[in-house]
N, C-alpha and C. Protein backbone atom coordinates (compact mmCIF):
# COMPACT_ATOMS: atom_id res chain seq x y z
N MET A 1 0.84 -1.19 0.00
CA MET A 1 0.00 0.00 0.00
C MET A 1 0.88 1.25 0.00
N TYR A 2 0.58 2.19 -0.88
CA TYR A 2 1.40 3.40 -0.95
C TYR A 2 0.51 4.63 -0.93
N PRO A 3 0.86 5.67 -0.16
CA PRO A 3 1.99 5.66 0.76
C PRO A 3 1.70 4.77 1.96
N PRO A 4 2.76 4.37 2.69
CA PRO A 4 2.54 3.51 3.86
C PRO A 4 1.57 4.16 4.84
N PRO A 5 0.77 3.35 5.52
CA PRO A 5 -0.23 3.91 6.45
C PRO A 5 0.36 4.87 7.48
N HIS A 6 1.60 4.62 7.94
CA HIS A 6 2.16 5.49 8.96
C HIS A 6 2.55 6.87 8.41
N HIS A 7 2.50 7.06 7.09
CA HIS A 7 2.75 8.38 6.50
C HIS A 7 1.46 9.09 6.10
N GLN A 8 0.34 8.42 6.24
CA GLN A 8 -0.94 9.02 5.89
C GLN A 8 -1.56 9.64 7.14
N ILE A 9 -1.99 10.87 7.00
CA ILE A 9 -2.59 11.59 8.12
C ILE A 9 -4.07 11.82 7.81
N ASN A 10 -4.93 11.37 8.70
CA ASN A 10 -6.36 11.58 8.52
C ASN A 10 -6.91 12.68 9.42
N ASP A 11 -6.05 13.22 10.26
CA ASP A 11 -6.46 14.28 11.19
C ASP A 11 -6.63 15.59 10.42
N ARG A 12 -7.87 15.95 10.18
CA ARG A 12 -8.17 17.14 9.37
C ARG A 12 -7.61 18.40 10.01
N ASN A 13 -7.62 18.49 11.35
CA ASN A 13 -7.08 19.68 12.02
C ASN A 13 -5.61 19.86 11.73
N LYS A 14 -4.86 18.77 11.65
CA LYS A 14 -3.43 18.87 11.31
C LYS A 14 -3.25 19.34 9.88
N MET A 15 -4.09 18.85 8.98
CA MET A 15 -4.00 19.29 7.59
C MET A 15 -4.37 20.77 7.45
N ILE A 16 -5.38 21.20 8.20
CA ILE A 16 -5.76 22.62 8.18
C ILE A 16 -4.61 23.48 8.69
N GLU A 17 -3.91 22.99 9.68
CA GLU A 17 -2.77 23.75 10.22
C GLU A 17 -1.69 23.92 9.15
N VAL A 18 -1.44 22.89 8.36
CA VAL A 18 -0.47 23.00 7.26
C VAL A 18 -0.95 24.05 6.26
N ILE A 19 -2.23 24.00 5.89
CA ILE A 19 -2.81 24.96 4.94
C ILE A 19 -2.66 26.39 5.46
N LYS A 20 -2.89 26.58 6.75
CA LYS A 20 -2.80 27.92 7.33
C LYS A 20 -1.36 28.43 7.39
N GLN A 21 -0.42 27.53 7.65
CA GLN A 21 0.97 27.93 7.74
C GLN A 21 1.64 28.08 6.37
N TYR A 22 1.15 27.32 5.39
CA TYR A 22 1.73 27.32 4.04
C TYR A 22 0.60 27.51 3.02
N PRO A 23 0.00 28.73 2.96
CA PRO A 23 -1.20 28.92 2.14
C PRO A 23 -0.98 28.98 0.64
N LEU A 24 0.27 29.04 0.18
CA LEU A 24 0.52 29.09 -1.26
C LEU A 24 0.28 27.70 -1.84
N ALA A 25 -0.81 27.56 -2.57
CA ALA A 25 -1.22 26.25 -3.09
C ALA A 25 -0.85 26.09 -4.55
N MET A 26 -0.62 24.86 -4.95
CA MET A 26 -0.53 24.52 -6.36
C MET A 26 -1.94 24.11 -6.77
N LEU A 27 -2.55 24.89 -7.64
CA LEU A 27 -3.92 24.69 -8.09
C LEU A 27 -3.89 24.03 -9.46
N VAL A 28 -4.47 22.83 -9.55
CA VAL A 28 -4.40 22.04 -10.79
C VAL A 28 -5.81 21.84 -11.34
N THR A 29 -6.00 22.20 -12.62
CA THR A 29 -7.27 21.98 -13.30
C THR A 29 -6.98 21.50 -14.73
N VAL A 30 -8.05 21.15 -15.42
CA VAL A 30 -7.93 20.73 -16.82
C VAL A 30 -8.92 21.53 -17.64
N LEU A 31 -8.45 22.06 -18.77
CA LEU A 31 -9.31 22.81 -19.69
C LEU A 31 -9.08 22.28 -21.10
N LYS A 32 -10.12 21.71 -21.69
CA LYS A 32 -10.05 21.13 -23.03
C LYS A 32 -8.89 20.13 -23.15
N GLY A 33 -8.76 19.31 -22.14
CA GLY A 33 -7.74 18.27 -22.13
C GLY A 33 -6.34 18.75 -21.78
N ASN A 34 -6.20 20.03 -21.50
CA ASN A 34 -4.89 20.60 -21.20
C ASN A 34 -4.77 20.86 -19.70
N PRO A 35 -3.82 20.21 -19.01
CA PRO A 35 -3.65 20.48 -17.57
C PRO A 35 -3.07 21.87 -17.35
N LEU A 36 -3.62 22.57 -16.38
CA LEU A 36 -3.18 23.92 -16.05
C LEU A 36 -2.81 23.98 -14.58
N ILE A 37 -1.75 24.73 -14.27
CA ILE A 37 -1.28 24.84 -12.89
C ILE A 37 -0.97 26.30 -12.59
N SER A 38 -1.45 26.77 -11.46
CA SER A 38 -1.08 28.09 -10.94
C SER A 38 -0.70 27.94 -9.47
N HIS A 39 0.08 28.87 -9.00
CA HIS A 39 0.48 28.89 -7.59
C HIS A 39 -0.11 30.16 -6.98
N ILE A 40 -1.11 29.98 -6.12
CA ILE A 40 -1.79 31.13 -5.54
C ILE A 40 -2.09 30.86 -4.06
N PRO A 41 -2.15 31.94 -3.26
CA PRO A 41 -2.54 31.74 -1.86
C PRO A 41 -4.03 31.45 -1.77
N LEU A 42 -4.37 30.48 -0.96
CA LEU A 42 -5.76 30.15 -0.67
C LEU A 42 -5.94 30.17 0.84
N ILE A 43 -6.97 30.86 1.29
CA ILE A 43 -7.18 31.03 2.72
C ILE A 43 -8.33 30.14 3.17
N TYR A 44 -8.08 29.37 4.23
CA TYR A 44 -9.10 28.48 4.78
C TYR A 44 -10.02 29.27 5.70
N ASN A 45 -11.32 29.20 5.41
CA ASN A 45 -12.32 29.89 6.22
C ASN A 45 -12.86 28.92 7.27
N ASP A 46 -12.57 29.19 8.54
CA ASP A 46 -12.99 28.30 9.63
C ASP A 46 -14.51 28.20 9.75
N GLU A 47 -15.22 29.25 9.38
CA GLU A 47 -16.67 29.25 9.52
C GLU A 47 -17.36 28.41 8.44
N THR A 48 -16.86 28.50 7.20
CA THR A 48 -17.50 27.77 6.09
C THR A 48 -16.79 26.47 5.75
N SER A 49 -15.58 26.27 6.29
CA SER A 49 -14.72 25.12 5.95
C SER A 49 -14.38 25.08 4.46
N LYS A 50 -14.35 26.27 3.83
CA LYS A 50 -14.00 26.37 2.42
C LYS A 50 -12.72 27.18 2.25
N LEU A 51 -12.11 27.04 1.09
CA LEU A 51 -10.95 27.85 0.74
C LEU A 51 -11.42 29.00 -0.14
N VAL A 52 -10.78 30.15 0.02
CA VAL A 52 -11.12 31.32 -0.79
C VAL A 52 -9.86 31.81 -1.48
N GLY A 53 -9.99 32.15 -2.77
CA GLY A 53 -8.83 32.63 -3.51
C GLY A 53 -9.20 33.59 -4.61
N HIS A 54 -8.16 34.23 -5.17
CA HIS A 54 -8.32 35.19 -6.26
C HIS A 54 -7.29 34.85 -7.33
N MET A 55 -7.63 35.18 -8.57
CA MET A 55 -6.70 34.98 -9.66
C MET A 55 -6.90 36.11 -10.68
N ASP A 56 -5.81 36.52 -11.29
CA ASP A 56 -5.87 37.53 -12.35
C ASP A 56 -6.78 37.01 -13.46
N ARG A 57 -7.73 37.82 -13.89
CA ARG A 57 -8.68 37.40 -14.93
C ARG A 57 -7.99 37.05 -16.25
N ASN A 58 -6.77 37.54 -16.46
CA ASN A 58 -6.04 37.24 -17.70
C ASN A 58 -5.36 35.87 -17.67
N ASN A 59 -5.34 35.23 -16.51
CA ASN A 59 -4.74 33.90 -16.41
C ASN A 59 -5.62 32.91 -17.17
N PRO A 60 -5.06 32.15 -18.13
CA PRO A 60 -5.89 31.22 -18.91
C PRO A 60 -6.58 30.16 -18.06
N GLN A 61 -6.08 29.93 -16.85
CA GLN A 61 -6.70 28.93 -15.99
C GLN A 61 -8.08 29.35 -15.51
N VAL A 62 -8.39 30.65 -15.59
CA VAL A 62 -9.71 31.14 -15.16
C VAL A 62 -10.82 30.40 -15.90
N GLY A 63 -10.59 30.03 -17.16
CA GLY A 63 -11.60 29.31 -17.93
C GLY A 63 -12.01 27.99 -17.30
N SER A 64 -11.14 27.41 -16.49
CA SER A 64 -11.45 26.14 -15.84
C SER A 64 -11.97 26.33 -14.42
N LEU A 65 -11.99 27.56 -13.95
CA LEU A 65 -12.42 27.84 -12.57
C LEU A 65 -13.83 28.41 -12.59
N GLN A 66 -14.76 27.58 -13.06
CA GLN A 66 -16.16 27.97 -13.18
C GLN A 66 -17.01 27.11 -12.25
N ASN A 67 -18.22 27.56 -11.97
CA ASN A 67 -19.10 26.87 -11.02
C ASN A 67 -19.19 25.38 -11.32
N GLY A 68 -18.96 24.58 -10.28
CA GLY A 68 -19.12 23.13 -10.38
C GLY A 68 -17.92 22.38 -10.91
N ASN A 69 -16.89 23.10 -11.34
CA ASN A 69 -15.70 22.42 -11.88
C ASN A 69 -14.83 21.84 -10.76
N ASP A 70 -14.18 20.72 -11.08
CA ASP A 70 -13.28 20.07 -10.13
C ASP A 70 -11.91 20.72 -10.14
N VAL A 71 -11.27 20.75 -8.97
CA VAL A 71 -9.89 21.21 -8.85
C VAL A 71 -9.14 20.26 -7.94
N LYS A 72 -7.84 20.21 -8.15
CA LYS A 72 -6.94 19.52 -7.23
C LYS A 72 -5.96 20.54 -6.68
N LEU A 73 -5.60 20.37 -5.42
CA LEU A 73 -4.73 21.32 -4.75
C LEU A 73 -3.62 20.59 -4.02
N VAL A 74 -2.46 21.21 -4.01
CA VAL A 74 -1.34 20.69 -3.22
C VAL A 74 -0.81 21.82 -2.35
N PHE A 75 -0.79 21.59 -1.05
CA PHE A 75 -0.17 22.51 -0.10
C PHE A 75 1.10 21.83 0.40
N LYS A 76 2.23 22.48 0.17
CA LYS A 76 3.52 21.87 0.51
C LYS A 76 4.11 22.55 1.73
N GLY A 77 4.35 21.75 2.75
CA GLY A 77 5.04 22.23 3.93
C GLY A 77 6.55 22.04 3.76
N PRO A 78 7.29 22.01 4.86
CA PRO A 78 8.75 21.85 4.77
C PRO A 78 9.12 20.45 4.30
N ASP A 79 10.31 20.35 3.69
CA ASP A 79 10.83 19.05 3.27
C ASP A 79 12.35 19.10 3.33
N THR A 80 12.99 17.94 3.40
CA THR A 80 14.44 17.88 3.35
C THR A 80 14.94 16.46 3.20
N TYR A 81 16.14 16.34 2.68
CA TYR A 81 16.88 15.07 2.68
C TYR A 81 17.26 14.74 4.11
N ILE A 82 17.13 13.47 4.48
CA ILE A 82 17.53 13.02 5.81
C ILE A 82 18.70 12.05 5.67
N SER A 83 19.83 12.47 6.19
CA SER A 83 21.03 11.63 6.16
C SER A 83 20.98 10.59 7.27
N PRO A 84 21.40 9.36 7.00
CA PRO A 84 21.46 8.35 8.07
C PRO A 84 22.35 8.77 9.24
N SER A 85 23.23 9.75 9.00
CA SER A 85 24.16 10.19 10.04
C SER A 85 23.45 10.82 11.24
N ILE A 86 22.21 11.26 11.07
CA ILE A 86 21.52 11.92 12.19
C ILE A 86 20.78 10.92 13.07
N TYR A 87 20.67 9.67 12.61
CA TYR A 87 19.93 8.65 13.35
C TYR A 87 20.82 7.97 14.40
N THR A 88 20.18 7.42 15.40
CA THR A 88 20.91 6.63 16.42
C THR A 88 20.94 5.15 16.02
N THR A 89 20.15 4.80 14.99
CA THR A 89 20.09 3.42 14.51
C THR A 89 20.57 3.37 13.06
N ASP A 90 20.83 2.17 12.58
CA ASP A 90 21.32 1.99 11.22
C ASP A 90 20.17 2.13 10.22
N GLN A 91 20.25 3.15 9.37
CA GLN A 91 19.17 3.44 8.42
C GLN A 91 19.75 3.77 7.05
N LEU A 92 18.87 3.92 6.07
CA LEU A 92 19.23 4.36 4.73
C LEU A 92 18.83 5.82 4.55
N PRO A 93 19.42 6.50 3.57
CA PRO A 93 19.00 7.89 3.30
C PRO A 93 17.53 7.93 2.89
N THR A 94 16.88 9.06 3.19
CA THR A 94 15.47 9.24 2.80
C THR A 94 15.18 10.72 2.64
N TRP A 95 13.94 11.02 2.31
CA TRP A 95 13.48 12.41 2.18
C TRP A 95 12.20 12.56 3.00
N ASN A 96 12.18 13.50 3.92
CA ASN A 96 11.00 13.74 4.74
C ASN A 96 10.26 14.98 4.24
N TYR A 97 8.94 14.97 4.40
CA TYR A 97 8.14 16.07 3.87
C TYR A 97 6.76 16.10 4.52
N ILE A 98 6.11 17.25 4.35
CA ILE A 98 4.72 17.43 4.79
C ILE A 98 3.95 17.97 3.58
N ILE A 99 2.95 17.22 3.15
CA ILE A 99 2.15 17.58 1.97
C ILE A 99 0.67 17.36 2.29
N VAL A 100 -0.18 18.26 1.80
CA VAL A 100 -1.63 18.06 1.87
C VAL A 100 -2.19 18.13 0.46
N HIS A 101 -2.90 17.08 0.05
CA HIS A 101 -3.59 17.03 -1.24
C HIS A 101 -5.08 17.18 -1.00
N LEU A 102 -5.72 18.04 -1.75
CA LEU A 102 -7.16 18.23 -1.63
C LEU A 102 -7.82 18.15 -3.00
N HIS A 103 -9.05 17.68 -3.01
CA HIS A 103 -9.91 17.78 -4.19
C HIS A 103 -11.06 18.68 -3.78
N GLY A 104 -11.57 19.46 -4.74
CA GLY A 104 -12.68 20.34 -4.40
C GLY A 104 -13.49 20.76 -5.60
N ILE A 105 -14.56 21.49 -5.32
CA ILE A 105 -15.48 21.99 -6.33
C ILE A 105 -15.49 23.52 -6.25
N ILE A 106 -15.41 24.16 -7.42
CA ILE A 106 -15.35 25.62 -7.52
C ILE A 106 -16.75 26.25 -7.43
N SER A 107 -16.82 27.37 -6.70
CA SER A 107 -17.99 28.26 -6.73
C SER A 107 -17.47 29.67 -6.97
N VAL A 108 -17.89 30.28 -8.04
CA VAL A 108 -17.43 31.63 -8.38
C VAL A 108 -18.13 32.66 -7.50
N ILE A 109 -17.38 33.66 -7.05
CA ILE A 109 -17.94 34.77 -6.30
C ILE A 109 -18.00 35.96 -7.25
N ASP A 110 -19.23 36.40 -7.57
CA ASP A 110 -19.43 37.50 -8.52
C ASP A 110 -19.76 38.83 -7.85
N ASP A 111 -20.29 38.78 -6.65
CA ASP A 111 -20.73 39.99 -5.95
C ASP A 111 -19.51 40.84 -5.57
N SER A 112 -19.47 42.10 -6.03
CA SER A 112 -18.28 42.93 -5.83
C SER A 112 -18.02 43.20 -4.35
N ASP A 113 -19.07 43.34 -3.54
CA ASP A 113 -18.86 43.56 -2.10
C ASP A 113 -18.23 42.33 -1.45
N LYS A 114 -18.67 41.14 -1.85
CA LYS A 114 -18.08 39.91 -1.31
C LYS A 114 -16.63 39.75 -1.77
N ILE A 115 -16.36 40.14 -3.01
CA ILE A 115 -14.98 40.06 -3.52
C ILE A 115 -14.08 40.98 -2.70
N LYS A 116 -14.53 42.22 -2.50
CA LYS A 116 -13.73 43.16 -1.72
C LYS A 116 -13.54 42.67 -0.29
N ARG A 117 -14.59 42.12 0.30
CA ARG A 117 -14.49 41.59 1.66
C ARG A 117 -13.48 40.44 1.71
N SER A 118 -13.49 39.59 0.69
CA SER A 118 -12.54 38.47 0.68
C SER A 118 -11.10 38.97 0.55
N MET A 119 -10.90 40.07 -0.20
CA MET A 119 -9.55 40.64 -0.33
C MET A 119 -9.09 41.24 0.99
N VAL A 120 -10.01 41.92 1.67
CA VAL A 120 -9.67 42.50 2.98
C VAL A 120 -9.35 41.38 3.97
N ASP A 121 -10.17 40.34 3.99
CA ASP A 121 -9.97 39.22 4.92
C ASP A 121 -8.65 38.51 4.64
N MET A 122 -8.33 38.30 3.35
CA MET A 122 -7.09 37.62 3.01
C MET A 122 -5.88 38.45 3.45
N THR A 123 -5.94 39.76 3.21
CA THR A 123 -4.83 40.63 3.61
C THR A 123 -4.66 40.63 5.12
N ARG A 124 -5.78 40.69 5.85
CA ARG A 124 -5.71 40.66 7.31
C ARG A 124 -5.07 39.36 7.78
N TYR A 125 -5.46 38.25 7.17
CA TYR A 125 -4.91 36.95 7.56
C TYR A 125 -3.41 36.89 7.29
N LEU A 126 -3.01 37.32 6.09
CA LEU A 126 -1.60 37.22 5.71
C LEU A 126 -0.72 38.23 6.43
N GLU A 127 -1.31 39.32 6.93
CA GLU A 127 -0.54 40.33 7.68
C GLU A 127 -0.34 39.95 9.15
N ALA A 128 -1.03 38.90 9.61
CA ALA A 128 -0.90 38.50 11.02
C ALA A 128 0.52 38.03 11.30
N PRO A 129 1.04 38.22 12.50
CA PRO A 129 0.34 38.77 13.67
C PRO A 129 0.51 40.28 13.83
N ASP A 130 1.41 40.90 13.05
CA ASP A 130 1.73 42.31 13.29
C ASP A 130 0.75 43.30 12.67
N HIS A 131 0.10 42.90 11.58
CA HIS A 131 -0.89 43.75 10.90
C HIS A 131 -0.33 45.15 10.61
N GLU A 132 0.83 45.19 9.97
CA GLU A 132 1.45 46.48 9.66
C GLU A 132 0.78 47.17 8.48
N TYR A 133 -0.02 46.44 7.73
CA TYR A 133 -0.76 47.02 6.61
C TYR A 133 -2.19 46.50 6.66
N SER A 134 -3.13 47.36 6.33
CA SER A 134 -4.51 46.90 6.24
C SER A 134 -5.12 47.43 4.95
N LEU A 135 -5.96 46.62 4.35
CA LEU A 135 -6.65 46.97 3.12
C LEU A 135 -8.05 47.43 3.52
N ALA A 136 -8.41 48.64 3.14
CA ALA A 136 -9.72 49.19 3.52
C ALA A 136 -10.74 48.88 2.44
N ILE A 137 -11.89 48.39 2.84
CA ILE A 137 -12.92 47.99 1.89
C ILE A 137 -13.46 49.19 1.10
N ASP A 138 -13.36 50.40 1.69
CA ASP A 138 -13.87 51.59 0.99
C ASP A 138 -12.77 52.34 0.23
N ASP A 139 -11.59 51.76 0.13
CA ASP A 139 -10.50 52.36 -0.64
C ASP A 139 -10.92 52.40 -2.12
N PRO A 140 -10.87 53.57 -2.78
CA PRO A 140 -11.30 53.66 -4.19
C PRO A 140 -10.56 52.70 -5.12
N LYS A 141 -9.34 52.34 -4.78
CA LYS A 141 -8.58 51.39 -5.62
C LYS A 141 -9.25 50.03 -5.66
N MET A 142 -10.00 49.71 -4.62
CA MET A 142 -10.65 48.40 -4.55
C MET A 142 -11.64 48.22 -5.70
N ASP A 143 -12.39 49.28 -6.03
CA ASP A 143 -13.37 49.17 -7.12
C ASP A 143 -12.69 48.85 -8.44
N ARG A 144 -11.50 49.42 -8.65
CA ARG A 144 -10.75 49.11 -9.88
C ARG A 144 -10.20 47.69 -9.85
N MET A 145 -9.69 47.29 -8.70
CA MET A 145 -9.07 45.96 -8.58
C MET A 145 -10.07 44.84 -8.84
N VAL A 146 -11.30 45.02 -8.37
CA VAL A 146 -12.34 43.99 -8.49
C VAL A 146 -12.55 43.57 -9.94
N GLN A 147 -12.38 44.53 -10.86
CA GLN A 147 -12.61 44.24 -12.27
C GLN A 147 -11.57 43.29 -12.86
N TYR A 148 -10.41 43.20 -12.22
CA TYR A 148 -9.30 42.45 -12.79
C TYR A 148 -9.04 41.10 -12.13
N ILE A 149 -9.87 40.75 -11.15
CA ILE A 149 -9.62 39.47 -10.47
C ILE A 149 -10.83 38.54 -10.56
N HIS A 150 -10.52 37.26 -10.62
CA HIS A 150 -11.54 36.20 -10.60
C HIS A 150 -11.50 35.61 -9.19
N THR A 151 -12.60 35.69 -8.48
CA THR A 151 -12.65 35.27 -7.08
C THR A 151 -13.54 34.04 -6.95
N PHE A 152 -13.13 33.12 -6.10
CA PHE A 152 -13.86 31.86 -6.00
C PHE A 152 -13.67 31.23 -4.63
N GLU A 153 -14.58 30.32 -4.31
CA GLU A 153 -14.47 29.46 -3.14
C GLU A 153 -14.27 28.03 -3.63
N ILE A 154 -13.67 27.23 -2.78
CA ILE A 154 -13.50 25.81 -3.08
C ILE A 154 -14.11 25.00 -1.94
N ASP A 155 -15.10 24.21 -2.29
CA ASP A 155 -15.71 23.28 -1.33
C ASP A 155 -14.88 22.01 -1.36
N ILE A 156 -14.21 21.69 -0.27
CA ILE A 156 -13.29 20.56 -0.23
C ILE A 156 -14.08 19.25 -0.14
N THR A 157 -13.83 18.36 -1.10
CA THR A 157 -14.55 17.09 -1.15
C THR A 157 -13.70 15.90 -0.73
N HIS A 158 -12.38 16.06 -0.73
CA HIS A 158 -11.50 14.95 -0.34
C HIS A 158 -10.22 15.51 0.26
N TRP A 159 -9.80 14.94 1.39
CA TRP A 159 -8.60 15.37 2.10
C TRP A 159 -7.60 14.21 2.11
N GLU A 160 -6.32 14.53 1.91
CA GLU A 160 -5.28 13.51 2.01
C GLU A 160 -4.00 14.15 2.54
N GLY A 161 -3.59 13.73 3.72
CA GLY A 161 -2.36 14.23 4.31
C GLY A 161 -1.26 13.21 4.15
N LYS A 162 -0.10 13.67 3.68
CA LYS A 162 1.08 12.81 3.57
C LYS A 162 2.20 13.47 4.36
N PHE A 163 2.40 12.97 5.57
CA PHE A 163 3.41 13.51 6.46
C PHE A 163 4.48 12.44 6.65
N LYS A 164 5.57 12.55 5.94
CA LYS A 164 6.66 11.57 6.07
C LYS A 164 7.68 12.17 7.03
N LEU A 165 7.62 11.74 8.28
CA LEU A 165 8.43 12.34 9.35
C LEU A 165 9.15 11.27 10.17
N SER A 166 9.61 10.23 9.48
CA SER A 166 10.35 9.15 10.15
C SER A 166 9.53 8.46 11.24
N GLN A 167 8.21 8.35 10.99
CA GLN A 167 7.33 7.73 12.00
C GLN A 167 7.65 6.26 12.22
N ASP A 168 8.32 5.61 11.27
CA ASP A 168 8.64 4.20 11.41
C ASP A 168 9.96 3.97 12.15
N LYS A 169 10.55 5.05 12.65
CA LYS A 169 11.82 4.96 13.38
C LYS A 169 11.56 5.08 14.89
N CYS A 170 12.59 4.80 15.67
CA CYS A 170 12.45 4.92 17.13
C CYS A 170 12.24 6.39 17.51
N GLU A 171 11.79 6.61 18.73
CA GLU A 171 11.42 7.97 19.16
C GLU A 171 12.57 8.97 19.01
N GLN A 172 13.78 8.58 19.39
CA GLN A 172 14.91 9.52 19.29
C GLN A 172 15.23 9.85 17.83
N ASP A 173 15.11 8.86 16.97
CA ASP A 173 15.37 9.11 15.55
C ASP A 173 14.31 10.03 14.95
N GLN A 174 13.07 9.91 15.41
CA GLN A 174 12.02 10.82 14.96
C GLN A 174 12.33 12.25 15.41
N ILE A 175 12.76 12.40 16.64
CA ILE A 175 13.13 13.73 17.16
C ILE A 175 14.27 14.31 16.34
N ASN A 176 15.30 13.50 16.09
CA ASN A 176 16.45 13.96 15.32
C ASN A 176 16.05 14.38 13.90
N ALA A 177 15.17 13.60 13.28
CA ALA A 177 14.72 13.90 11.92
C ALA A 177 13.93 15.20 11.88
N ASN A 178 13.06 15.42 12.86
CA ASN A 178 12.29 16.66 12.90
C ASN A 178 13.18 17.87 13.15
N GLU A 179 14.19 17.71 14.00
CA GLU A 179 15.13 18.81 14.24
C GLU A 179 15.91 19.12 12.96
N GLN A 180 16.28 18.08 12.23
CA GLN A 180 17.00 18.26 10.97
C GLN A 180 16.12 18.98 9.94
N LEU A 181 14.86 18.60 9.88
CA LEU A 181 13.91 19.23 8.96
C LEU A 181 13.81 20.73 9.24
N ALA A 182 13.68 21.10 10.51
CA ALA A 182 13.57 22.52 10.88
C ALA A 182 14.86 23.26 10.58
N LYS A 183 15.99 22.66 10.93
CA LYS A 183 17.29 23.31 10.75
C LYS A 183 17.59 23.54 9.27
N VAL A 184 17.43 22.51 8.47
CA VAL A 184 17.79 22.60 7.05
C VAL A 184 16.89 23.59 6.32
N ASN A 185 15.60 23.62 6.66
CA ASN A 185 14.71 24.55 5.97
C ASN A 185 15.07 26.00 6.27
N LYS A 186 15.46 26.29 7.49
CA LYS A 186 15.89 27.65 7.82
C LYS A 186 17.16 27.99 7.05
N GLU A 187 18.10 27.05 7.00
CA GLU A 187 19.36 27.29 6.28
C GLU A 187 19.12 27.43 4.78
N LYS A 188 18.21 26.62 4.22
CA LYS A 188 17.91 26.68 2.78
C LYS A 188 17.35 28.05 2.41
N ILE A 189 16.43 28.55 3.23
CA ILE A 189 15.82 29.85 2.94
C ILE A 189 16.88 30.94 2.91
N ASN A 190 17.74 30.97 3.92
CA ASN A 190 18.79 31.99 3.97
C ASN A 190 19.73 31.86 2.78
N SER A 191 20.09 30.63 2.45
CA SER A 191 21.04 30.39 1.36
C SER A 191 20.46 30.80 0.01
N ILE A 192 19.24 30.38 -0.29
CA ILE A 192 18.67 30.68 -1.61
C ILE A 192 18.41 32.17 -1.76
N LEU A 193 18.00 32.84 -0.69
CA LEU A 193 17.78 34.29 -0.77
C LEU A 193 19.07 35.02 -1.04
N ARG A 194 20.17 34.58 -0.41
CA ARG A 194 21.47 35.21 -0.67
C ARG A 194 21.87 35.02 -2.14
N LYS A 195 21.70 33.80 -2.66
CA LYS A 195 22.10 33.51 -4.04
C LYS A 195 21.25 34.24 -5.06
N LEU A 196 19.95 34.31 -4.83
CA LEU A 196 19.06 34.92 -5.80
C LEU A 196 19.11 36.44 -5.79
N SER A 197 19.60 37.01 -4.69
CA SER A 197 19.64 38.48 -4.60
C SER A 197 20.92 39.07 -5.18
N LYS A 198 21.84 38.21 -5.65
CA LYS A 198 23.10 38.70 -6.24
C LYS A 198 22.89 39.21 -7.64
């Protein structure tokens, strides 16, 4: 059975936590037999249990984001190579990761007030915890922006969590692997930002 049962997570609250911490989703749809992929932030609404997102109307994927259409989503958390050197037991090299796969159904939001409210809510969520910037619903720029974005909700129909965190290893090896995952991801971010900013 793949993935192994110990890497499958059925705890929806844990999957929601991944979505909230890593909201940039890979959105996959099909239009006229052509697979389309965009990377956009999607915000989980605790009250409706739906995801809300926006996309530039000029994006060709908008044609597939119509009422009742199916979508697939991937939310990717941290990942890293795990060297056997960090384990207390004899192991082989592996790769650990946190991934959430979702299937859902699109509902288009056409009401301009609801679109503006969703933009304000998304900005508030993404600005947390410091909230150094706020988007005002009565800002005149909002009326212009609404014309250029396609706004939608996604009703989630299937959840699948794949958390490969050395669960099949002894407790100390699991701790070591998680510490390695945290350490390497922080180092990777600093390293890639330095290289790309040159």
